[in-house]
Protein backbone atom coordinates (compact mmCIF):
# COMPACT_ATOMS: atom_id res chain seq x y z
CA MET A 1 66.52 126.53 104.27
CA LYS A 2 68.50 127.49 101.12
CA LYS A 3 71.71 127.43 103.40
CA ASN A 4 71.03 123.87 104.58
CA VAL A 5 70.28 122.68 101.19
CA LEU A 6 73.82 124.37 99.94
CA TYR A 7 75.66 122.61 102.91
CA PHE A 8 74.00 119.32 102.08
CA LEU A 9 75.04 119.72 98.33
CA CYS A 10 78.64 120.79 99.24
CA PHE A 11 78.85 117.87 101.63
CA SER A 12 77.54 115.29 99.25
CA PHE A 13 79.93 116.67 96.38
CA PHE A 14 83.12 116.22 98.87
CA VAL A 15 81.98 112.88 99.84
CA SER A 16 81.77 111.80 96.35
CA VAL A 17 85.07 113.18 95.31
CA PHE A 18 86.70 111.35 98.12
CA ILE A 19 85.07 108.05 97.46
CA PHE A 20 85.81 108.49 93.67
CA TYR A 21 89.49 109.39 93.94
CA SER A 22 90.35 107.44 97.12
CA PRO A 23 92.18 104.06 96.24
CA PHE A 24 90.31 102.60 99.30
CA GLY A 25 86.76 103.88 98.63
CA PHE A 26 83.91 101.32 98.51
CA SER A 27 82.92 100.05 95.21
CA ASP A 28 79.83 101.33 93.34
CA ASP A 29 78.09 97.83 93.16
CA GLY A 30 77.04 97.59 96.73
CA THR A 31 78.74 94.36 97.31
CA GLY A 32 81.14 95.53 100.13
CA PHE A 33 84.23 95.14 97.87
CA ARG A 34 86.84 97.99 98.18
CA SER A 35 89.53 98.89 95.65
CA MET A 36 93.14 98.18 96.56
CA PHE A 37 94.63 100.23 93.86
CA ASN A 38 93.78 103.52 92.38
CA GLY A 39 94.95 102.77 88.89
CA ARG A 40 97.39 105.72 88.91
CA ASP A 41 100.10 105.30 91.34
CA LEU A 42 101.44 103.00 94.17
CA THR A 43 99.59 104.79 97.06
CA GLY A 44 98.88 102.18 99.75
CA TRP A 45 101.59 99.88 98.49
CA ASP A 46 105.24 99.52 99.54
CA GLY A 47 107.89 97.79 97.47
CA LYS A 48 111.54 97.53 96.41
CA PRO A 49 112.33 101.12 95.00
CA GLY A 50 112.32 101.30 91.33
CA GLU A 51 111.21 97.58 90.75
CA TRP A 52 107.27 98.29 90.68
CA TRP A 53 105.48 101.03 88.70
CA VAL A 54 102.06 101.67 87.04
CA GLU A 55 101.91 101.02 83.41
CA ASP A 56 98.47 101.45 81.46
CA GLY A 57 96.60 101.45 84.65
CA ALA A 58 98.12 98.11 86.06
CA ILE A 59 100.78 97.61 88.74
CA THR A 60 103.79 96.38 86.87
CA SER A 61 107.16 94.70 87.45
CA GLN A 62 109.60 93.38 84.74
CA SER A 63 113.02 91.84 84.34
CA THR A 64 115.36 91.77 81.35
CA ASP A 65 118.64 90.55 80.24
CA GLU A 66 120.03 93.86 81.19
CA ASN A 67 118.08 94.17 84.42
CA PRO A 68 117.57 90.59 85.67
CA CYS A 69 115.69 89.89 89.06
CA ILE A 70 118.26 87.98 91.25
CA LYS A 71 116.13 87.55 94.38
CA HIS A 72 112.48 87.42 95.08
CA HIS A 73 110.98 90.50 96.18
CA TYR A 74 107.17 91.64 97.09
CA LEU A 75 105.09 94.61 96.66
CA PHE A 76 103.06 94.85 100.09
CA TRP A 77 99.49 96.18 100.36
CA THR A 78 99.81 98.45 103.45
CA GLU A 79 96.23 99.07 104.46
CA ALA A 80 95.20 95.98 106.36
CA GLU A 81 96.24 92.36 107.20
CA PRO A 82 92.97 90.62 106.68
CA GLY A 83 91.99 87.06 108.08
CA ASP A 84 88.65 86.22 106.23
CA PHE A 85 88.25 87.75 102.87
CA ILE A 86 87.50 87.48 99.25
CA LEU A 87 90.09 88.93 96.96
CA ARG A 88 89.67 89.48 93.34
CA PHE A 89 92.25 90.81 90.78
CA GLU A 90 93.23 90.41 87.13
CA PHE A 91 96.70 89.37 86.07
CA LYS A 92 98.90 89.21 82.92
CA LEU A 93 101.98 87.29 82.99
CA VAL A 94 104.59 86.87 80.04
CA GLY A 95 107.41 84.49 81.12
CA GLY A 96 108.57 83.43 84.55
CA ASN A 97 106.41 82.99 87.58
CA SER A 98 104.62 85.15 90.09
CA GLY A 99 101.81 85.01 92.72
CA VAL A 100 99.87 86.95 95.28
CA GLN A 101 100.73 86.17 98.88
CA PHE A 102 97.81 86.29 101.55
CA ARG A 103 97.75 85.53 105.23
CA SER A 104 101.47 86.20 105.08
CA GLU A 105 104.31 87.52 107.39
CA ARG A 106 106.54 90.18 106.08
CA ARG A 107 110.20 89.85 106.33
CA GLU A 108 113.43 91.88 105.88
CA ASP A 109 114.49 93.15 102.57
CA TYR A 110 111.04 92.82 100.85
CA ASP A 111 110.73 89.16 101.57
CA ILE A 112 107.79 87.23 102.96
CA TRP A 113 106.43 83.79 104.39
CA GLY A 114 102.92 82.50 103.85
CA TYR A 115 100.43 81.27 101.49
CA GLN A 116 100.65 82.20 97.78
CA ALA A 117 97.95 82.04 95.04
CA ASP A 118 100.30 80.94 92.20
CA MET A 119 100.77 81.51 88.45
CA GLU A 120 103.19 80.93 85.98
CA ASP A 121 104.02 81.04 82.16
CA GLY A 122 104.05 77.24 82.21
CA GLU A 123 102.03 74.25 83.11
CA GLN A 124 102.78 73.26 86.78
CA TRP A 125 101.94 76.02 89.13
CA THR A 126 99.12 78.27 87.78
CA GLY A 127 96.02 77.84 89.95
CA CYS A 128 97.84 76.05 92.70
CA LEU A 129 98.15 77.15 96.52
CA PHE A 130 101.92 77.32 97.41
CA GLN A 131 103.40 77.98 100.66
CA HIS A 132 107.05 78.53 101.62
CA ASP A 133 108.58 75.60 103.20
CA ARG A 134 105.71 73.30 102.11
CA GLY A 135 105.75 73.74 98.44
CA GLY A 136 102.42 72.96 97.04
CA VAL A 137 99.85 72.90 99.76
CA VAL A 138 97.15 71.96 97.17
CA MET A 139 97.74 71.46 93.50
CA ARG A 140 95.49 72.42 90.84
CA GLY A 141 92.51 70.14 90.14
CA PHE A 142 92.30 68.87 93.85
CA ASP A 143 90.59 69.40 97.04
CA ALA A 144 92.51 68.63 100.22
CA VAL A 145 91.73 68.39 103.86
CA ILE A 146 95.11 68.81 105.99
CA ARG A 147 95.04 67.47 109.56
CA GLU A 148 96.84 69.16 112.47
CA ASP A 149 99.67 66.57 112.08
CA GLY A 150 100.18 67.62 108.40
CA SER A 151 98.54 64.42 107.10
CA ARG A 152 96.06 64.74 104.47
CA GLU A 153 93.22 63.52 102.27
CA GLU A 154 92.69 64.66 98.68
CA LYS A 155 90.12 64.16 96.03
CA ALA A 156 90.17 65.29 92.27
CA ILE A 157 88.01 67.99 91.39
CA GLY A 158 89.00 68.32 87.70
CA ASP A 159 91.67 67.42 85.20
CA PRO A 160 94.64 69.84 85.83
CA ALA A 161 95.32 70.02 82.02
CA ASP A 162 91.68 70.76 81.16
CA LEU A 163 91.70 73.47 84.14
CA LEU A 164 94.75 75.08 82.76
CA LYS A 165 92.97 75.68 79.29
CA GLN A 166 90.69 78.13 81.21
CA VAL A 167 93.67 80.42 81.53
CA ARG A 168 94.53 82.62 78.74
CA LYS A 169 98.13 82.86 78.11
CA HIS A 170 99.85 86.10 78.00
CA GLU A 171 96.31 87.89 78.33
CA TRP A 172 94.38 89.28 81.17
CA ASN A 173 92.94 86.64 83.47
CA ARG A 174 90.58 87.01 86.65
CA TYR A 175 91.83 85.43 89.96
CA GLU A 176 89.74 84.94 93.01
CA VAL A 177 91.04 84.08 96.42
CA THR A 178 88.53 83.08 99.14
CA ALA A 179 89.79 82.40 102.59
CA ILE A 180 87.37 81.95 105.25
CA GLY A 181 88.46 80.20 108.64
CA ASN A 182 90.60 77.17 107.50
CA ARG A 183 89.07 76.82 103.90
CA ILE A 184 90.86 78.29 101.09
CA THR A 185 89.53 78.17 97.53
CA LEU A 186 91.26 79.59 94.24
CA LYS A 187 89.35 80.43 91.04
CA ILE A 188 90.71 81.58 87.75
CA ASN A 189 88.27 82.97 85.32
CA ASP A 190 85.39 81.99 87.57
CA VAL A 191 86.49 78.25 87.60
CA VAL A 192 87.68 76.50 90.81
CA MET A 193 91.16 75.64 90.30
CA CYS A 194 91.91 74.05 93.84
CA SER A 195 90.76 74.21 97.42
CA VAL A 196 91.92 73.17 100.91
CA GLU A 197 90.77 72.94 104.49
CA ASP A 198 94.23 73.51 106.31
CA HIS A 199 94.31 72.68 109.89
CA ASP A 200 98.32 72.02 109.94
CA ARG A 201 99.36 73.05 113.46
CA THR A 202 102.69 74.13 111.99
CA TYR A 203 101.98 75.89 108.73
CA SER A 204 98.37 77.04 108.67
CA ARG A 205 97.75 80.66 108.99
CA SER A 206 94.70 82.69 109.83
CA LYS A 207 95.67 86.19 108.83
CA GLY A 208 98.57 88.34 107.52
CA VAL A 209 99.72 90.64 104.82
CA ILE A 210 98.79 90.69 101.10
CA ALA A 211 101.63 91.09 98.66
CA LEU A 212 102.40 90.77 94.92
CA GLN A 213 105.59 88.69 93.75
CA MET A 214 108.52 89.40 91.45
CA HIS A 215 110.27 86.13 90.67
CA PRO A 216 113.90 85.63 89.91
CA GLY A 217 115.00 83.80 86.78
CA PRO A 218 114.54 84.60 82.99
CA PRO A 219 113.18 87.79 81.70
CA MET A 220 109.55 88.14 82.47
CA LYS A 221 106.70 90.84 83.02
CA VAL A 222 103.81 90.44 85.47
CA GLN A 223 100.85 93.05 85.78
CA PHE A 224 97.95 93.27 87.99
CA ARG A 225 94.96 95.40 88.06
CA ASN A 226 91.33 95.69 89.33
CA LEU A 227 92.43 94.61 92.89
CA ARG A 228 89.41 94.70 95.06
CA ILE A 229 88.95 93.07 98.51
CA LYS A 230 85.98 92.22 100.69
CA ILE A 231 87.09 91.69 104.04
CA LEU A 232 84.85 89.52 106.20
CA ASP A 233 84.78 88.72 109.98
CA ALA A 234 88.37 87.86 110.83
CA ALA A 235 88.93 84.30 112.20
CA PRO A 236 90.89 84.47 115.57
CA GLN A 237 94.61 83.82 115.01
CA THR A 238 96.61 81.40 117.32
CA PRO A 239 100.14 82.86 117.45
CA LYS A 240 102.75 80.58 116.24
CA GLU A 241 106.46 80.71 115.31
CA SER A 242 107.17 80.58 111.47
CA PRO A 243 109.24 77.42 110.80
CA GLY A 244 112.36 78.83 109.88
CA GLN A 245 113.64 81.50 107.40
CA GLN A 246 112.85 81.14 103.80
CA THR A 247 113.02 82.74 100.35
CA GLY A 248 110.54 82.34 97.83
CA LYS A 249 109.90 79.54 95.34
């Protein structure tokens, strides 16, 4: 009896240690979210060597006048290529532009093609859904339904300028991406920024990689932390060719 209890205690201890230290253990709140980042190093991620690191518990990339970013590059999450999911993370951006790719296709030289939950240190792109070759799929303050032929209907869901006021400039902000079937919704600090039902037969995507963007241009610094995902039943994917090579926005 004592031996069985000892085995049970040892097993419980090792399971607890694995869950606590694993970057991919389940959350402790019982919601089904799993951590994508362990807060210490880039285990489970792949990016351009020397361009991404962990600083103060956050995934970080930075460009300076002495070390400029000449070409877009991305840090790829390597653990899954989810279809339907809820992704939550925090970001801090000082200068420039960045974003989080999802349902995307990895390309050579740390490039990518697909949807992007956008953010910038400016007034246009934060809270918008961007996609390479299409530009703004839906802009902040709008809900859109895009038909198979690419035509669309849009309706306003908020004033873009008022929605931007919900974002704390140069501070930490919460971002949430919900992708279920053809419906995608972006929230920042619990406020819906935009949403779309995308049926475009050329551009819509049902699954793919998740990646963090470093953008070329003036000096900037972007950080991500508390990245967590709840992967839902994946929608079936219809194979399609990507419409041409592209580099990021």
